[in-house]
N, C-alpha and C. Protein backbone atom coordinates (compact mmCIF):
# COMPACT_ATOMS: atom_id res chain seq x y z
N MET A 1 58.99 77.83 72.75
CA MET A 1 58.40 77.91 71.43
C MET A 1 59.03 79.08 70.68
N ALA A 2 59.57 78.81 69.52
CA ALA A 2 60.22 79.85 68.74
C ALA A 2 59.24 80.41 67.72
N PHE A 3 59.32 81.71 67.52
CA PHE A 3 58.45 82.36 66.55
C PHE A 3 59.27 82.73 65.33
N SER A 4 58.65 82.63 64.18
CA SER A 4 59.30 82.97 62.93
C SER A 4 59.49 84.47 62.83
N THR A 5 60.62 84.88 62.32
CA THR A 5 60.89 86.30 62.15
C THR A 5 60.41 86.79 60.79
N ARG A 6 59.98 85.85 59.95
CA ARG A 6 59.49 86.23 58.62
C ARG A 6 58.10 86.82 58.71
N SER A 7 57.87 87.79 57.91
CA SER A 7 56.57 88.44 57.86
C SER A 7 55.58 87.56 57.12
N LYS A 8 54.35 87.56 57.57
CA LYS A 8 53.30 86.77 56.92
C LYS A 8 52.65 87.53 55.77
N SER A 9 52.99 88.80 55.59
CA SER A 9 52.38 89.58 54.51
C SER A 9 52.94 89.11 53.16
N PRO A 10 52.12 89.19 52.12
CA PRO A 10 52.58 88.73 50.80
C PRO A 10 53.74 89.59 50.29
N ARG A 11 54.60 88.94 49.57
CA ARG A 11 55.76 89.64 49.01
C ARG A 11 55.33 90.43 47.78
N ALA A 12 56.04 91.50 47.55
CA ALA A 12 55.77 92.31 46.35
C ALA A 12 56.26 91.55 45.13
N PRO A 13 55.53 91.63 44.03
CA PRO A 13 55.96 90.95 42.80
C PRO A 13 57.32 91.48 42.34
N LEU A 14 58.10 90.59 41.78
CA LEU A 14 59.43 90.96 41.29
C LEU A 14 59.34 91.42 39.83
N ASN A 15 60.23 92.35 39.47
CA ASN A 15 60.32 92.75 38.06
C ASN A 15 61.18 91.72 37.32
N GLU A 16 61.45 91.96 36.05
CA GLU A 16 62.18 90.98 35.24
C GLU A 16 63.58 90.71 35.80
N ALA A 17 64.30 91.74 36.19
CA ALA A 17 65.65 91.56 36.74
C ALA A 17 65.59 90.78 38.05
N GLY A 18 64.63 91.12 38.89
CA GLY A 18 64.47 90.42 40.16
C GLY A 18 64.10 88.96 39.96
N LEU A 19 63.20 88.69 39.00
CA LEU A 19 62.82 87.31 38.71
C LEU A 19 64.00 86.51 38.15
N TYR A 20 64.80 87.16 37.32
CA TYR A 20 65.97 86.49 36.73
C TYR A 20 66.95 86.09 37.85
N ASP A 21 67.22 87.02 38.75
CA ASP A 21 68.12 86.71 39.88
C ASP A 21 67.54 85.60 40.75
N TYR A 22 66.24 85.69 41.02
CA TYR A 22 65.56 84.67 41.82
C TYR A 22 65.67 83.29 41.14
N ALA A 23 65.48 83.28 39.82
CA ALA A 23 65.58 82.02 39.07
C ALA A 23 67.00 81.46 39.12
N LEU A 24 67.99 82.32 38.99
CA LEU A 24 69.38 81.86 39.05
C LEU A 24 69.69 81.23 40.42
N LYS A 25 69.21 81.87 41.47
CA LYS A 25 69.43 81.33 42.82
C LYS A 25 68.71 79.99 42.98
N ALA A 26 67.51 79.90 42.45
CA ALA A 26 66.74 78.65 42.54
C ALA A 26 67.45 77.54 41.77
N LEU A 27 67.99 77.86 40.61
CA LEU A 27 68.73 76.86 39.83
C LEU A 27 70.07 76.53 40.49
N GLY A 28 70.61 77.47 41.23
CA GLY A 28 71.87 77.23 41.94
C GLY A 28 71.70 76.25 43.09
N ARG A 29 70.50 76.21 43.66
CA ARG A 29 70.25 75.27 44.76
C ARG A 29 70.14 73.84 44.25
N HIS A 30 69.42 73.65 43.15
CA HIS A 30 69.38 72.34 42.49
C HIS A 30 68.75 72.48 41.11
N MET A 31 69.02 71.49 40.27
CA MET A 31 68.51 71.51 38.90
C MET A 31 66.98 71.48 38.93
N ARG A 32 66.39 72.16 37.97
CA ARG A 32 64.93 72.19 37.85
C ARG A 32 64.55 72.10 36.38
N THR A 33 63.36 71.59 36.15
CA THR A 33 62.83 71.58 34.79
C THR A 33 62.22 72.94 34.51
N GLU A 34 61.93 73.19 33.26
CA GLU A 34 61.30 74.45 32.89
C GLU A 34 59.94 74.59 33.58
N ALA A 35 59.18 73.51 33.63
CA ALA A 35 57.86 73.55 34.26
C ALA A 35 57.97 73.87 35.76
N GLU A 36 58.93 73.25 36.43
CA GLU A 36 59.13 73.52 37.86
C GLU A 36 59.51 74.98 38.10
N LEU A 37 60.43 75.46 37.28
CA LEU A 37 60.88 76.85 37.43
C LEU A 37 59.75 77.82 37.09
N ARG A 38 58.96 77.51 36.09
CA ARG A 38 57.82 78.36 35.72
C ARG A 38 56.85 78.48 36.90
N ARG A 39 56.55 77.35 37.56
CA ARG A 39 55.65 77.37 38.73
C ARG A 39 56.24 78.22 39.86
N LEU A 40 57.55 78.08 40.06
CA LEU A 40 58.23 78.84 41.11
C LEU A 40 58.19 80.34 40.82
N LEU A 41 58.47 80.70 39.57
CA LEU A 41 58.47 82.11 39.18
C LEU A 41 57.06 82.69 39.22
N HIS A 42 56.09 81.88 38.92
CA HIS A 42 54.70 82.35 38.93
C HIS A 42 54.30 82.86 40.32
N GLN A 43 54.86 82.25 41.34
CA GLN A 43 54.56 82.66 42.73
C GLN A 43 55.13 84.04 43.05
N ARG A 44 56.20 84.42 42.37
CA ARG A 44 56.89 85.68 42.69
C ARG A 44 56.64 86.78 41.66
N ALA A 45 55.97 86.44 40.56
CA ALA A 45 55.74 87.42 39.49
C ALA A 45 54.39 88.11 39.66
N GLU A 46 54.25 89.18 38.95
CA GLU A 46 52.99 89.89 38.89
C GLU A 46 51.94 88.97 38.24
N GLN A 47 50.73 89.01 38.73
CA GLN A 47 49.68 88.16 38.19
C GLN A 47 49.14 88.76 36.89
N GLY A 48 48.67 87.90 36.01
CA GLY A 48 48.06 88.36 34.76
C GLY A 48 49.00 88.24 33.58
N PRO A 49 48.57 88.77 32.44
CA PRO A 49 49.36 88.66 31.20
C PRO A 49 50.73 89.32 31.29
N ALA A 50 50.82 90.41 32.01
CA ALA A 50 52.12 91.09 32.15
C ALA A 50 53.12 90.19 32.86
N GLY A 51 52.68 89.54 33.92
CA GLY A 51 53.55 88.63 34.66
C GLY A 51 53.96 87.43 33.82
N GLN A 52 53.02 86.91 33.02
CA GLN A 52 53.33 85.77 32.16
C GLN A 52 54.37 86.13 31.11
N SER A 53 54.29 87.34 30.57
CA SER A 53 55.27 87.74 29.56
C SER A 53 56.65 87.93 30.19
N VAL A 54 56.71 88.43 31.43
CA VAL A 54 57.98 88.58 32.12
C VAL A 54 58.59 87.20 32.41
N ILE A 55 57.75 86.26 32.85
CA ILE A 55 58.23 84.89 33.11
C ILE A 55 58.77 84.28 31.83
N ALA A 56 58.04 84.45 30.73
CA ALA A 56 58.49 83.90 29.44
C ALA A 56 59.84 84.51 29.04
N ALA A 57 60.01 85.81 29.26
CA ALA A 57 61.28 86.48 28.92
C ALA A 57 62.43 85.94 29.78
N VAL A 58 62.16 85.74 31.09
CA VAL A 58 63.18 85.22 31.99
C VAL A 58 63.57 83.80 31.58
N LEU A 59 62.58 82.97 31.29
CA LEU A 59 62.87 81.59 30.88
C LEU A 59 63.65 81.55 29.57
N ALA A 60 63.29 82.40 28.62
CA ALA A 60 64.01 82.46 27.34
C ALA A 60 65.46 82.86 27.57
N ARG A 61 65.67 83.84 28.44
CA ARG A 61 67.04 84.29 28.75
C ARG A 61 67.85 83.18 29.42
N LEU A 62 67.23 82.45 30.34
CA LEU A 62 67.92 81.34 31.01
C LEU A 62 68.30 80.24 30.02
N LYS A 63 67.40 79.95 29.09
CA LYS A 63 67.69 78.94 28.06
C LYS A 63 68.83 79.42 27.15
N GLU A 64 68.77 80.68 26.78
CA GLU A 64 69.78 81.26 25.90
C GLU A 64 71.17 81.16 26.52
N HIS A 65 71.26 81.36 27.84
CA HIS A 65 72.55 81.30 28.52
C HIS A 65 72.92 79.86 28.94
N GLY A 66 72.04 78.91 28.65
CA GLY A 66 72.35 77.51 28.94
C GLY A 66 72.10 77.09 30.38
N TYR A 67 71.36 77.90 31.13
CA TYR A 67 71.09 77.57 32.52
C TYR A 67 69.86 76.68 32.68
N LEU A 68 69.03 76.63 31.67
CA LEU A 68 67.78 75.88 31.74
C LEU A 68 67.66 75.03 30.48
N ASP A 69 67.71 73.71 30.67
CA ASP A 69 67.67 72.79 29.54
C ASP A 69 67.02 71.48 29.99
N ASP A 70 65.78 71.27 29.59
CA ASP A 70 65.05 70.07 30.02
C ASP A 70 65.71 68.78 29.51
N LYS A 71 66.31 68.82 28.34
CA LYS A 71 66.96 67.62 27.80
C LYS A 71 68.16 67.23 28.67
N SER A 72 68.97 68.20 29.02
CA SER A 72 70.12 67.95 29.89
C SER A 72 69.66 67.50 31.27
N TYR A 73 68.60 68.14 31.77
CA TYR A 73 68.04 67.76 33.07
C TYR A 73 67.60 66.30 33.03
N ALA A 74 66.85 65.92 32.00
CA ALA A 74 66.33 64.56 31.89
C ALA A 74 67.47 63.54 31.81
N GLU A 75 68.52 63.86 31.07
CA GLU A 75 69.65 62.94 30.94
C GLU A 75 70.35 62.76 32.28
N THR A 76 70.60 63.84 32.98
CA THR A 76 71.26 63.77 34.28
C THR A 76 70.39 63.05 35.30
N PHE A 77 69.11 63.42 35.36
CA PHE A 77 68.17 62.80 36.29
C PHE A 77 68.11 61.29 36.06
N THR A 78 67.99 60.89 34.80
CA THR A 78 67.89 59.46 34.45
C THR A 78 69.16 58.72 34.81
N ARG A 79 70.30 59.30 34.48
CA ARG A 79 71.59 58.65 34.79
C ARG A 79 71.74 58.44 36.29
N LEU A 80 71.44 59.48 37.06
CA LEU A 80 71.59 59.37 38.51
C LEU A 80 70.62 58.34 39.11
N ARG A 81 69.39 58.30 38.61
CA ARG A 81 68.41 57.34 39.15
C ARG A 81 68.79 55.91 38.77
N GLN A 82 69.38 55.75 37.61
CA GLN A 82 69.78 54.40 37.20
C GLN A 82 71.05 53.96 37.91
N GLU A 83 72.06 54.81 37.94
CA GLU A 83 73.34 54.42 38.52
C GLU A 83 73.34 54.40 40.04
N ASN A 84 72.73 55.40 40.67
CA ASN A 84 72.79 55.51 42.12
C ASN A 84 71.65 54.79 42.83
N GLU A 85 70.42 55.01 42.35
CA GLU A 85 69.27 54.42 43.03
C GLU A 85 68.87 53.08 42.46
N LYS A 86 69.42 52.71 41.30
CA LYS A 86 69.14 51.44 40.64
C LYS A 86 67.66 51.29 40.30
N LEU A 87 67.02 52.38 39.86
CA LEU A 87 65.60 52.34 39.54
C LEU A 87 65.36 51.88 38.11
N GLY A 88 64.23 51.26 37.90
CA GLY A 88 63.83 50.80 36.58
C GLY A 88 63.30 51.94 35.73
N ALA A 89 63.19 51.67 34.44
CA ALA A 89 62.80 52.70 33.47
C ALA A 89 61.40 53.25 33.74
N ARG A 90 60.47 52.41 34.13
CA ARG A 90 59.09 52.87 34.32
C ARG A 90 59.00 53.95 35.41
N THR A 91 59.65 53.76 36.51
CA THR A 91 59.61 54.74 37.59
C THR A 91 60.30 56.04 37.19
N VAL A 92 61.44 55.93 36.52
CA VAL A 92 62.15 57.14 36.09
C VAL A 92 61.28 57.91 35.09
N ARG A 93 60.63 57.20 34.18
CA ARG A 93 59.73 57.84 33.21
C ARG A 93 58.62 58.60 33.94
N GLN A 94 58.00 57.97 34.92
CA GLN A 94 56.92 58.61 35.67
C GLN A 94 57.41 59.85 36.41
N LYS A 95 58.58 59.77 37.01
CA LYS A 95 59.11 60.91 37.76
C LYS A 95 59.42 62.09 36.83
N LEU A 96 59.97 61.80 35.67
CA LEU A 96 60.25 62.88 34.71
C LEU A 96 58.96 63.52 34.22
N GLN A 97 57.96 62.71 33.97
CA GLN A 97 56.67 63.26 33.53
C GLN A 97 56.06 64.12 34.62
N GLN A 98 56.18 63.70 35.88
CA GLN A 98 55.65 64.49 37.00
C GLN A 98 56.37 65.83 37.12
N LYS A 99 57.62 65.86 36.71
CA LYS A 99 58.39 67.10 36.79
C LYS A 99 58.15 68.01 35.59
N GLY A 100 57.30 67.57 34.66
CA GLY A 100 56.91 68.41 33.54
C GLY A 100 57.81 68.35 32.33
N VAL A 101 58.64 67.33 32.21
CA VAL A 101 59.49 67.19 31.03
C VAL A 101 58.62 66.69 29.87
N ALA A 102 58.83 67.23 28.70
CA ALA A 102 58.04 66.86 27.52
C ALA A 102 58.18 65.37 27.23
N ALA A 103 57.07 64.78 26.78
CA ALA A 103 57.02 63.33 26.52
C ALA A 103 58.09 62.88 25.53
N ALA A 104 58.33 63.67 24.49
CA ALA A 104 59.33 63.29 23.49
C ALA A 104 60.73 63.22 24.11
N ILE A 105 61.04 64.17 24.97
CA ILE A 105 62.35 64.19 25.64
C ILE A 105 62.45 63.00 26.59
N VAL A 106 61.38 62.72 27.32
CA VAL A 106 61.37 61.58 28.25
C VAL A 106 61.60 60.28 27.49
N ASP A 107 60.85 60.08 26.41
CA ASP A 107 60.98 58.84 25.63
C ASP A 107 62.39 58.68 25.08
N GLU A 108 62.93 59.74 24.52
CA GLU A 108 64.28 59.70 23.94
C GLU A 108 65.34 59.39 25.01
N THR A 109 65.21 60.04 26.15
CA THR A 109 66.18 59.88 27.23
C THR A 109 66.13 58.47 27.82
N ILE A 110 64.94 57.98 28.10
CA ILE A 110 64.78 56.65 28.68
C ILE A 110 65.30 55.59 27.70
N GLU A 111 64.95 55.75 26.44
CA GLU A 111 65.39 54.78 25.43
C GLU A 111 66.92 54.75 25.35
N ALA A 112 67.53 55.93 25.32
CA ALA A 112 68.99 56.00 25.22
C ALA A 112 69.67 55.42 26.45
N ARG A 113 69.13 55.70 27.63
CA ARG A 113 69.80 55.29 28.87
C ARG A 113 69.57 53.82 29.20
N TYR A 114 68.38 53.29 28.92
CA TYR A 114 68.05 51.93 29.33
C TYR A 114 68.15 50.91 28.20
N ALA A 115 68.52 51.35 26.98
CA ALA A 115 68.56 50.44 25.83
C ALA A 115 69.48 49.25 26.06
N GLY A 116 70.65 49.45 26.59
CA GLY A 116 71.60 48.37 26.78
C GLY A 116 71.62 47.80 28.19
N THR A 117 70.61 48.13 28.97
CA THR A 117 70.60 47.73 30.37
C THR A 117 69.88 46.40 30.53
N ASP A 118 70.47 45.52 31.29
CA ASP A 118 69.82 44.26 31.64
C ASP A 118 68.94 44.54 32.86
N GLU A 119 67.62 44.52 32.64
CA GLU A 119 66.68 44.89 33.70
C GLU A 119 66.79 43.97 34.91
N GLN A 120 67.04 42.70 34.66
CA GLN A 120 67.14 41.76 35.77
C GLN A 120 68.36 42.06 36.64
N THR A 121 69.48 42.37 36.03
CA THR A 121 70.68 42.74 36.78
C THR A 121 70.44 44.02 37.58
N LEU A 122 69.79 44.99 36.95
CA LEU A 122 69.49 46.24 37.64
C LEU A 122 68.56 46.00 38.82
N ALA A 123 67.57 45.13 38.65
CA ALA A 123 66.64 44.81 39.74
C ALA A 123 67.39 44.14 40.89
N ARG A 124 68.32 43.25 40.58
CA ARG A 124 69.11 42.60 41.63
C ARG A 124 69.99 43.63 42.36
N GLN A 125 70.55 44.57 41.61
CA GLN A 125 71.34 45.62 42.24
C GLN A 125 70.47 46.48 43.15
N TYR A 126 69.23 46.72 42.72
CA TYR A 126 68.29 47.47 43.55
C TYR A 126 68.02 46.70 44.85
N LEU A 127 67.79 45.40 44.75
CA LEU A 127 67.53 44.59 45.94
C LEU A 127 68.74 44.62 46.88
N ASP A 128 69.95 44.51 46.32
CA ASP A 128 71.16 44.57 47.14
C ASP A 128 71.29 45.93 47.82
N ARG A 129 71.04 47.00 47.04
CA ARG A 129 71.16 48.36 47.58
C ARG A 129 70.19 48.58 48.73
N LYS A 130 69.00 48.04 48.62
CA LYS A 130 67.99 48.19 49.66
C LYS A 130 68.07 47.09 50.74
N ARG A 131 69.04 46.21 50.58
CA ARG A 131 69.26 45.10 51.52
C ARG A 131 68.01 44.23 51.68
N ILE A 132 67.37 43.98 50.56
CA ILE A 132 66.18 43.12 50.55
C ILE A 132 66.65 41.70 50.27
N ARG A 133 66.33 40.82 51.16
CA ARG A 133 66.75 39.42 51.06
C ARG A 133 65.60 38.53 50.61
N LYS A 134 65.94 37.27 50.40
CA LYS A 134 64.97 36.27 49.96
C LYS A 134 63.80 36.22 50.95
N PRO A 135 62.57 36.33 50.43
CA PRO A 135 61.41 36.29 51.32
C PRO A 135 61.20 34.90 51.91
N GLU A 136 60.71 34.88 53.14
CA GLU A 136 60.49 33.62 53.85
C GLU A 136 59.05 33.12 53.73
N ASP A 137 58.11 34.02 53.45
CA ASP A 137 56.70 33.61 53.37
C ASP A 137 55.99 34.45 52.32
N GLU A 138 54.68 34.20 52.16
CA GLU A 138 53.89 34.89 51.14
C GLU A 138 53.83 36.40 51.38
N LYS A 139 53.72 36.80 52.63
CA LYS A 139 53.63 38.22 52.96
C LYS A 139 54.93 38.93 52.54
N GLN A 140 56.06 38.34 52.85
CA GLN A 140 57.34 38.93 52.46
C GLN A 140 57.52 38.91 50.95
N THR A 141 57.03 37.85 50.30
CA THR A 141 57.11 37.77 48.84
C THR A 141 56.31 38.91 48.22
N ALA A 142 55.10 39.16 48.72
CA ALA A 142 54.28 40.25 48.22
C ALA A 142 54.97 41.60 48.45
N ARG A 143 55.62 41.74 49.60
CA ARG A 143 56.33 42.99 49.92
C ARG A 143 57.48 43.22 48.93
N VAL A 144 58.24 42.16 48.63
CA VAL A 144 59.34 42.28 47.67
C VAL A 144 58.79 42.65 46.30
N MET A 145 57.69 42.01 45.92
CA MET A 145 57.09 42.35 44.62
C MET A 145 56.67 43.81 44.57
N ARG A 146 56.02 44.29 45.61
CA ARG A 146 55.58 45.68 45.63
C ARG A 146 56.76 46.63 45.52
N ARG A 147 57.82 46.33 46.24
CA ARG A 147 59.00 47.19 46.20
C ARG A 147 59.60 47.24 44.79
N LEU A 148 59.67 46.08 44.14
CA LEU A 148 60.25 46.03 42.79
C LEU A 148 59.35 46.71 41.77
N VAL A 149 58.04 46.55 41.90
CA VAL A 149 57.12 47.23 40.99
C VAL A 149 57.24 48.74 41.19
N ALA A 150 57.27 49.18 42.44
CA ALA A 150 57.39 50.61 42.73
C ALA A 150 58.72 51.18 42.24
N ALA A 151 59.74 50.35 42.18
CA ALA A 151 61.06 50.79 41.69
C ALA A 151 61.12 50.81 40.16
N GLY A 152 60.04 50.36 39.50
CA GLY A 152 59.97 50.49 38.05
C GLY A 152 60.33 49.26 37.25
N PHE A 153 60.30 48.10 37.85
CA PHE A 153 60.67 46.88 37.13
C PHE A 153 59.43 46.14 36.65
N SER A 154 59.57 45.47 35.52
CA SER A 154 58.44 44.75 34.94
C SER A 154 58.12 43.50 35.76
N THR A 155 56.87 43.09 35.72
CA THR A 155 56.47 41.90 36.48
C THR A 155 57.18 40.65 35.97
N GLY A 156 57.50 40.61 34.68
CA GLY A 156 58.24 39.47 34.14
C GLY A 156 59.60 39.30 34.80
N VAL A 157 60.32 40.39 34.96
CA VAL A 157 61.63 40.35 35.62
C VAL A 157 61.46 40.00 37.10
N ILE A 158 60.44 40.54 37.71
CA ILE A 158 60.20 40.25 39.13
C ILE A 158 59.94 38.76 39.33
N TYR A 159 59.11 38.17 38.48
CA TYR A 159 58.83 36.74 38.59
C TYR A 159 60.09 35.90 38.36
N LYS A 160 60.94 36.33 37.42
CA LYS A 160 62.19 35.59 37.18
C LYS A 160 63.05 35.58 38.44
N ILE A 161 63.16 36.72 39.07
CA ILE A 161 63.98 36.82 40.29
C ILE A 161 63.39 35.95 41.39
N LEU A 162 62.08 36.02 41.58
CA LEU A 162 61.44 35.23 42.63
C LEU A 162 61.57 33.73 42.35
N ARG A 163 61.47 33.35 41.09
CA ARG A 163 61.61 31.92 40.76
C ARG A 163 63.06 31.45 40.99
N GLN A 164 64.02 32.32 40.73
CA GLN A 164 65.42 31.96 40.98
C GLN A 164 65.69 31.85 42.48
N TRP A 165 64.88 32.50 43.28
CA TRP A 165 64.99 32.38 44.72
C TRP A 165 64.25 31.14 45.23
N ASP A 166 63.69 30.37 44.32
CA ASP A 166 62.93 29.16 44.65
C ASP A 166 61.74 29.46 45.55
N ILE A 167 61.02 30.51 45.20
CA ILE A 167 59.77 30.82 45.90
C ILE A 167 58.76 29.77 45.46
N PRO A 168 58.02 29.15 46.39
CA PRO A 168 57.05 28.13 46.01
C PRO A 168 56.05 28.65 44.98
N GLY A 169 55.71 27.81 44.03
CA GLY A 169 54.81 28.17 42.95
C GLY A 169 53.46 28.66 43.42
N GLU A 170 52.95 28.07 44.52
CA GLU A 170 51.63 28.51 45.01
C GLU A 170 51.68 29.95 45.52
N SER A 171 52.82 30.37 46.07
CA SER A 171 52.94 31.76 46.52
C SER A 171 52.90 32.70 45.33
N LEU A 172 53.59 32.32 44.25
CA LEU A 172 53.61 33.16 43.05
C LEU A 172 52.25 33.16 42.37
N SER A 173 51.58 32.01 42.34
CA SER A 173 50.29 31.95 41.66
C SER A 173 49.25 32.80 42.39
N GLN A 174 49.33 32.89 43.71
CA GLN A 174 48.41 33.75 44.44
C GLN A 174 48.70 35.22 44.14
N LEU A 175 49.95 35.54 43.90
CA LEU A 175 50.31 36.92 43.59
C LEU A 175 49.92 37.28 42.16
N ASP A 176 49.74 36.28 41.29
CA ASP A 176 49.31 36.54 39.91
C ASP A 176 47.98 37.27 39.88
N ASN A 177 47.16 37.07 40.90
CA ASN A 177 45.84 37.69 40.94
C ASN A 177 45.91 39.19 41.22
N LEU A 178 47.03 39.65 41.75
CA LEU A 178 47.19 41.07 42.03
C LEU A 178 47.63 41.80 40.77
N ASP A 179 47.10 42.99 40.55
CA ASP A 179 47.60 43.78 39.43
C ASP A 179 48.64 44.78 39.96
N ASP A 180 49.32 45.46 39.05
CA ASP A 180 50.41 46.35 39.44
C ASP A 180 49.94 47.46 40.38
N SER A 181 48.74 48.00 40.18
CA SER A 181 48.27 49.08 41.05
C SER A 181 48.09 48.59 42.48
N ALA A 182 47.64 47.35 42.65
CA ALA A 182 47.48 46.81 43.99
C ALA A 182 48.84 46.59 44.64
N LEU A 183 49.82 46.27 43.84
CA LEU A 183 51.16 46.05 44.38
C LEU A 183 51.80 47.35 44.83
N ILE A 184 51.53 48.42 44.13
CA ILE A 184 52.16 49.69 44.43
C ILE A 184 51.53 50.35 45.65
N ASP A 185 50.23 50.13 45.85
CA ASP A 185 49.52 50.81 46.93
C ASP A 185 50.14 50.64 48.29
N GLU A 186 50.60 49.45 48.63
CA GLU A 186 51.13 49.20 49.98
C GLU A 186 52.64 49.20 49.93
N ASN A 187 53.24 50.35 50.10
CA ASN A 187 54.70 50.45 50.09
C ASN A 187 55.26 50.54 51.44
């Protein structure tokens, strides 16, 4: 059994220069939104109004130097999720909102990135990427539907794909009774 060499005592709050360096290192590890970085800095800053003003100064300085930009983050995040993971707009929108990106930036970014995208083609690419094949029975059909809903595709596109796979109508009609939240729950 190995023991940690790190001390369990709380760390001393960082001053503005220390927080700035800490923020640069955190951004160097991976891109972060302003909200994510604010939460991270809050853990290392002095508590109270003095700490909040230091965090605000550090964030302003990072923005001024171009190291922190939620719009750029949202564009990169959306592009990577669409091109690499083949995710639909709804899931990408939810993930950006969870990361604290402003609604206006999320809406603008999603609209710009997904405006010319054929959702059905993207959904098929997602299925290929995940190696999901034509379902053989109702249980597999429901599983495919849940996966596609969780990936951010509309139920209309999902039904089109399933119908092109010649899924029996009775299997699809039974799935009509499920709402999107029920489909997402069992992933």
